[in-house]
Amino acid sequence: MTASLSTHVLDTARGVPARGVPVSLYARDGEQWSLLGSGETDADGRHRGLIPAGAALSPGVYRITFDTAAYAEKTGTETFFPEVAIVFEIKDASHHHVPLLLSPFGYSTYRGS
């Protein structure tokens, strides 16, 4: 079994999934970050393709970056946080879910299932 990753963005101010949020996944190698995949969240606020087909996540440090300014512009809302970057460490070959709960002046995240 290899490690897998999913993400989900919910707009808690509007009470809906956050559609169209640009998302990028990076892996850390020493002091450098390498882009692994990117795209936008779907109608359900999810992005399922951050890891390229056939690729596996090995133990290490990763970063998911959400372009919240682009989402705010699309929805005509204000944001205090133009970008949210979540850095996390994968230590085992399980599934890792990194959700983002978003509002104009705050956000939260946790390790989901």
N, C-alpha and C. Protein backbone atom coordinates (compact mmCIF):
# COMPACT_ATOMS: atom_id res chain seq x y z
N MET A 1 0.83 -1.18 0.00
CA MET A 1 0.00 0.00 0.00
C MET A 1 0.88 1.25 0.00
N THR A 2 0.51 2.24 -0.81
CA THR A 2 1.25 3.50 -0.84
C THR A 2 0.40 4.60 -0.22
N ALA A 3 1.04 5.66 0.19
CA ALA A 3 0.32 6.80 0.78
C ALA A 3 -0.52 7.47 -0.30
N SER A 4 -1.70 7.92 0.10
CA SER A 4 -2.56 8.66 -0.82
C SER A 4 -2.98 9.97 -0.15
N LEU A 5 -3.50 10.88 -0.96
CA LEU A 5 -3.81 12.22 -0.46
C LEU A 5 -5.08 12.74 -1.13
N SER A 6 -5.92 13.39 -0.33
CA SER A 6 -7.08 14.09 -0.87
C SER A 6 -7.24 15.40 -0.12
N THR A 7 -7.97 16.33 -0.73
CA THR A 7 -8.27 17.60 -0.08
C THR A 7 -9.69 18.01 -0.42
N HIS A 8 -10.24 18.87 0.41
CA HIS A 8 -11.62 19.31 0.29
C HIS A 8 -11.67 20.72 0.86
N VAL A 9 -12.27 21.66 0.14
CA VAL A 9 -12.38 23.03 0.63
C VAL A 9 -13.85 23.37 0.80
N LEU A 10 -14.21 23.83 1.99
CA LEU A 10 -15.57 24.25 2.28
C LEU A 10 -15.58 25.73 2.62
N ASP A 11 -16.48 26.46 2.00
CA ASP A 11 -16.66 27.89 2.27
C ASP A 11 -17.66 27.99 3.42
N THR A 12 -17.15 28.15 4.64
CA THR A 12 -18.02 28.14 5.81
C THR A 12 -18.85 29.41 5.93
N ALA A 13 -18.43 30.51 5.32
CA ALA A 13 -19.20 31.75 5.36
C ALA A 13 -20.45 31.64 4.48
N ARG A 14 -20.32 30.95 3.36
CA ARG A 14 -21.45 30.80 2.43
C ARG A 14 -22.18 29.48 2.63
N GLY A 15 -21.57 28.57 3.38
CA GLY A 15 -22.21 27.28 3.64
C GLY A 15 -22.25 26.36 2.44
N VAL A 16 -21.22 26.42 1.59
CA VAL A 16 -21.17 25.61 0.37
C VAL A 16 -19.75 25.10 0.13
N PRO A 17 -19.61 24.05 -0.69
CA PRO A 17 -18.26 23.65 -1.11
C PRO A 17 -17.63 24.79 -1.91
N ALA A 18 -16.34 24.95 -1.77
CA ALA A 18 -15.62 26.02 -2.47
C ALA A 18 -15.15 25.51 -3.83
N ARG A 19 -15.92 25.83 -4.84
CA ARG A 19 -15.64 25.41 -6.22
C ARG A 19 -14.65 26.37 -6.88
N GLY A 20 -13.69 25.81 -7.61
CA GLY A 20 -12.78 26.64 -8.40
C GLY A 20 -11.60 27.22 -7.64
N VAL A 21 -11.24 26.63 -6.51
CA VAL A 21 -10.07 27.11 -5.76
C VAL A 21 -8.81 26.49 -6.38
N PRO A 22 -7.88 27.30 -6.87
CA PRO A 22 -6.62 26.75 -7.37
C PRO A 22 -5.83 26.12 -6.22
N VAL A 23 -5.36 24.89 -6.45
CA VAL A 23 -4.64 24.12 -5.43
C VAL A 23 -3.36 23.56 -6.05
N SER A 24 -2.26 23.61 -5.28
CA SER A 24 -1.00 23.04 -5.74
C SER A 24 -0.39 22.20 -4.63
N LEU A 25 0.24 21.10 -5.01
CA LEU A 25 0.92 20.22 -4.07
C LEU A 25 2.41 20.24 -4.35
N TYR A 26 3.20 20.43 -3.29
CA TYR A 26 4.65 20.47 -3.39
C TYR A 26 5.27 19.45 -2.43
N ALA A 27 6.44 18.95 -2.80
CA ALA A 27 7.23 18.08 -1.92
C ALA A 27 8.50 18.83 -1.55
N ARG A 28 8.92 18.68 -0.31
CA ARG A 28 10.16 19.34 0.13
C ARG A 28 11.34 18.39 -0.01
N ASP A 29 12.40 18.92 -0.59
CA ASP A 29 13.65 18.18 -0.71
C ASP A 29 14.73 19.11 -0.18
N GLY A 30 15.12 18.93 1.07
CA GLY A 30 16.06 19.85 1.71
C GLY A 30 15.38 21.19 1.91
N GLU A 31 15.93 22.22 1.29
CA GLU A 31 15.35 23.56 1.39
C GLU A 31 14.50 23.92 0.17
N GLN A 32 14.43 23.03 -0.80
CA GLN A 32 13.72 23.29 -2.04
C GLN A 32 12.33 22.64 -2.02
N TRP A 33 11.38 23.26 -2.72
CA TRP A 33 10.04 22.71 -2.90
C TRP A 33 9.86 22.38 -4.38
N SER A 34 9.35 21.18 -4.67
CA SER A 34 9.10 20.76 -6.05
C SER A 34 7.61 20.57 -6.25
N LEU A 35 7.08 21.17 -7.31
CA LEU A 35 5.66 21.04 -7.63
C LEU A 35 5.37 19.62 -8.11
N LEU A 36 4.38 18.97 -7.47
CA LEU A 36 3.97 17.62 -7.88
C LEU A 36 2.71 17.64 -8.72
N GLY A 37 1.81 18.56 -8.43
CA GLY A 37 0.55 18.60 -9.16
C GLY A 37 -0.24 19.84 -8.78
N SER A 38 -1.19 20.21 -9.66
CA SER A 38 -2.02 21.38 -9.39
C SER A 38 -3.32 21.27 -10.17
N GLY A 39 -4.24 22.14 -9.84
CA GLY A 39 -5.54 22.17 -10.50
C GLY A 39 -6.50 22.99 -9.68
N GLU A 40 -7.80 22.78 -9.90
CA GLU A 40 -8.84 23.51 -9.17
C GLU A 40 -9.81 22.54 -8.52
N THR A 41 -10.42 22.98 -7.43
CA THR A 41 -11.42 22.16 -6.79
C THR A 41 -12.66 22.05 -7.68
N ASP A 42 -13.34 20.92 -7.57
CA ASP A 42 -14.53 20.66 -8.39
C ASP A 42 -15.79 21.24 -7.72
N ALA A 43 -16.95 20.93 -8.25
CA ALA A 43 -18.22 21.46 -7.73
C ALA A 43 -18.47 21.05 -6.29
N ASP A 44 -17.84 19.96 -5.85
CA ASP A 44 -17.99 19.50 -4.47
C ASP A 44 -16.87 20.04 -3.58
N GLY A 45 -16.02 20.93 -4.12
CA GLY A 45 -14.92 21.51 -3.36
C GLY A 45 -13.73 20.58 -3.20
N ARG A 46 -13.68 19.51 -4.00
CA ARG A 46 -12.61 18.52 -3.87
C ARG A 46 -11.65 18.59 -5.05
N HIS A 47 -10.41 18.19 -4.78
CA HIS A 47 -9.43 18.01 -5.84
C HIS A 47 -8.84 16.62 -5.65
N ARG A 48 -9.07 15.77 -6.62
CA ARG A 48 -8.67 14.37 -6.51
C ARG A 48 -7.40 14.04 -7.29
N GLY A 49 -6.87 14.96 -8.05
CA GLY A 49 -5.75 14.65 -8.93
C GLY A 49 -4.45 15.35 -8.62
N LEU A 50 -4.19 15.64 -7.37
CA LEU A 50 -2.95 16.35 -7.04
C LEU A 50 -1.71 15.49 -7.26
N ILE A 51 -1.86 14.19 -7.12
CA ILE A 51 -0.74 13.28 -7.33
C ILE A 51 -0.84 12.76 -8.77
N PRO A 52 0.19 12.93 -9.57
CA PRO A 52 0.15 12.46 -10.96
C PRO A 52 -0.14 10.96 -11.02
N ALA A 53 -0.84 10.54 -12.05
CA ALA A 53 -1.16 9.12 -12.23
C ALA A 53 0.11 8.29 -12.22
N GLY A 54 0.09 7.21 -11.46
CA GLY A 54 1.24 6.32 -11.37
C GLY A 54 2.28 6.73 -10.35
N ALA A 55 2.14 7.94 -9.80
CA ALA A 55 3.11 8.42 -8.80
C ALA A 55 2.66 7.99 -7.40
N ALA A 56 3.60 7.90 -6.49
CA ALA A 56 3.31 7.53 -5.11
C ALA A 56 3.92 8.56 -4.18
N LEU A 57 3.28 8.76 -3.05
CA LEU A 57 3.83 9.65 -2.04
C LEU A 57 4.69 8.84 -1.08
N SER A 58 5.93 9.23 -0.98
CA SER A 58 6.83 8.57 -0.04
C SER A 58 6.85 9.37 1.26
N PRO A 59 7.38 8.81 2.33
CA PRO A 59 7.48 9.58 3.56
C PRO A 59 8.25 10.87 3.30
N GLY A 60 7.77 11.96 3.88
CA GLY A 60 8.41 13.25 3.69
C GLY A 60 7.50 14.39 4.05
N VAL A 61 7.97 15.60 3.78
CA VAL A 61 7.23 16.82 4.09
C VAL A 61 6.64 17.37 2.79
N TYR A 62 5.37 17.75 2.87
CA TYR A 62 4.62 18.24 1.72
C TYR A 62 3.92 19.54 2.07
N ARG A 63 3.54 20.28 1.02
CA ARG A 63 2.80 21.53 1.22
C ARG A 63 1.67 21.60 0.20
N ILE A 64 0.47 21.87 0.69
CA ILE A 64 -0.65 22.17 -0.19
C ILE A 64 -0.88 23.68 -0.10
N THR A 65 -0.93 24.33 -1.25
CA THR A 65 -1.17 25.77 -1.30
C THR A 65 -2.50 26.03 -1.99
N PHE A 66 -3.35 26.82 -1.34
CA PHE A 66 -4.66 27.18 -1.85
C PHE A 66 -4.64 28.66 -2.22
N ASP A 67 -4.98 28.98 -3.45
CA ASP A 67 -5.03 30.38 -3.91
C ASP A 67 -6.39 30.95 -3.54
N THR A 68 -6.50 31.39 -2.30
CA THR A 68 -7.78 31.89 -1.80
C THR A 68 -8.14 33.26 -2.37
N ALA A 69 -7.15 34.03 -2.82
CA ALA A 69 -7.45 35.32 -3.47
C ALA A 69 -8.20 35.09 -4.78
N ALA A 70 -7.80 34.09 -5.55
CA ALA A 70 -8.49 33.79 -6.81
C ALA A 70 -9.93 33.37 -6.54
N TYR A 71 -10.11 32.56 -5.48
CA TYR A 71 -11.46 32.12 -5.12
C TYR A 71 -12.32 33.32 -4.67
N ALA A 72 -11.76 34.21 -3.87
CA ALA A 72 -12.49 35.39 -3.41
C ALA A 72 -12.91 36.26 -4.59
N GLU A 73 -12.01 36.40 -5.55
CA GLU A 73 -12.34 37.20 -6.74
C GLU A 73 -13.48 36.56 -7.53
N LYS A 74 -13.43 35.24 -7.68
CA LYS A 74 -14.49 34.53 -8.42
C LYS A 74 -15.85 34.66 -7.75
N THR A 75 -15.85 34.70 -6.43
CA THR A 75 -17.11 34.72 -5.68
C THR A 75 -17.52 36.13 -5.25
N GLY A 76 -16.69 37.13 -5.56
CA GLY A 76 -17.02 38.50 -5.20
C GLY A 76 -16.99 38.74 -3.71
N THR A 77 -16.11 38.03 -3.01
CA THR A 77 -16.01 38.20 -1.56
C THR A 77 -14.64 38.78 -1.20
N GLU A 78 -14.54 39.23 0.02
CA GLU A 78 -13.29 39.76 0.53
C GLU A 78 -12.52 38.64 1.21
N THR A 79 -11.19 38.75 1.23
CA THR A 79 -10.38 37.80 1.98
C THR A 79 -9.20 38.50 2.63
N PHE A 80 -8.90 38.11 3.84
CA PHE A 80 -7.74 38.62 4.55
C PHE A 80 -6.51 37.77 4.23
N PHE A 81 -6.75 36.52 3.87
CA PHE A 81 -5.68 35.56 3.58
C PHE A 81 -5.67 35.26 2.08
N PRO A 82 -4.80 35.89 1.30
CA PRO A 82 -4.80 35.66 -0.15
C PRO A 82 -4.28 34.27 -0.54
N GLU A 83 -3.61 33.61 0.39
CA GLU A 83 -3.08 32.27 0.13
C GLU A 83 -3.05 31.52 1.45
N VAL A 84 -3.38 30.24 1.39
CA VAL A 84 -3.26 29.37 2.56
C VAL A 84 -2.30 28.24 2.18
N ALA A 85 -1.24 28.11 2.95
CA ALA A 85 -0.27 27.04 2.73
C ALA A 85 -0.26 26.13 3.95
N ILE A 86 -0.52 24.86 3.73
CA ILE A 86 -0.56 23.88 4.81
C ILE A 86 0.61 22.92 4.60
N VAL A 87 1.51 22.89 5.56
CA VAL A 87 2.67 22.01 5.50
C VAL A 87 2.41 20.84 6.44
N PHE A 88 2.64 19.63 5.94
CA PHE A 88 2.36 18.43 6.72
C PHE A 88 3.40 17.36 6.40
N GLU A 89 3.48 16.35 7.26
CA GLU A 89 4.45 15.28 7.07
C GLU A 89 3.75 13.94 6.93
N ILE A 90 4.13 13.21 5.90
CA ILE A 90 3.64 11.85 5.70
C ILE A 90 4.70 10.89 6.24
N LYS A 91 4.26 10.02 7.13
CA LYS A 91 5.18 9.08 7.76
C LYS A 91 4.85 7.63 7.43
N ASP A 92 3.65 7.39 6.89
CA ASP A 92 3.26 6.01 6.63
C ASP A 92 2.48 5.92 5.32
N ALA A 93 2.14 4.71 4.95
CA ALA A 93 1.49 4.46 3.66
C ALA A 93 -0.02 4.42 3.78
N SER A 94 -0.60 5.32 4.57
CA SER A 94 -2.05 5.36 4.72
C SER A 94 -2.63 6.50 3.88
N HIS A 95 -3.94 6.65 3.95
CA HIS A 95 -4.59 7.76 3.26
C HIS A 95 -4.50 9.00 4.13
N HIS A 96 -4.20 10.14 3.52
CA HIS A 96 -4.10 11.41 4.21
C HIS A 96 -5.08 12.39 3.58
N HIS A 97 -5.97 12.93 4.40
CA HIS A 97 -6.97 13.89 3.92
C HIS A 97 -6.70 15.22 4.61
N VAL A 98 -6.51 16.27 3.82
CA VAL A 98 -6.19 17.59 4.35
C VAL A 98 -7.28 18.57 3.89
N PRO A 99 -8.33 18.74 4.72
CA PRO A 99 -9.40 19.67 4.35
C PRO A 99 -9.08 21.10 4.77
N LEU A 100 -9.74 22.04 4.12
CA LEU A 100 -9.61 23.45 4.46
C LEU A 100 -11.01 24.02 4.65
N LEU A 101 -11.26 24.59 5.82
CA LEU A 101 -12.50 25.29 6.11
C LEU A 101 -12.18 26.77 5.99
N LEU A 102 -12.86 27.46 5.08
CA LEU A 102 -12.47 28.80 4.67
C LEU A 102 -13.57 29.82 4.93
N SER A 103 -13.20 30.98 5.42
CA SER A 103 -14.09 32.13 5.52
C SER A 103 -13.26 33.37 5.19
N PRO A 104 -13.88 34.53 5.00
CA PRO A 104 -13.12 35.70 4.58
C PRO A 104 -11.98 36.11 5.52
N PHE A 105 -12.17 35.89 6.82
CA PHE A 105 -11.18 36.37 7.77
C PHE A 105 -10.61 35.28 8.66
N GLY A 106 -10.70 34.04 8.20
CA GLY A 106 -10.14 32.94 8.96
C GLY A 106 -10.20 31.65 8.18
N TYR A 107 -9.45 30.67 8.65
CA TYR A 107 -9.48 29.35 8.07
C TYR A 107 -9.02 28.35 9.13
N SER A 108 -9.37 27.09 8.92
CA SER A 108 -8.87 26.03 9.79
C SER A 108 -8.67 24.77 8.96
N THR A 109 -7.89 23.87 9.51
CA THR A 109 -7.59 22.62 8.85
C THR A 109 -7.35 21.56 9.90
N TYR A 110 -7.33 20.32 9.48
CA TYR A 110 -7.08 19.19 10.38
C TYR A 110 -6.75 17.99 9.53
N ARG A 111 -6.27 16.93 10.15
CA ARG A 111 -6.07 15.70 9.39
C ARG A 111 -7.37 14.94 9.41
N GLY A 112 -7.96 14.83 8.26
CA GLY A 112 -9.23 14.13 8.13
C GLY A 112 -9.01 12.66 7.80
N SER A 113 -10.10 12.01 7.46
CA SER A 113 -10.02 10.59 7.12
C SER A 113 -10.57 10.33 5.73
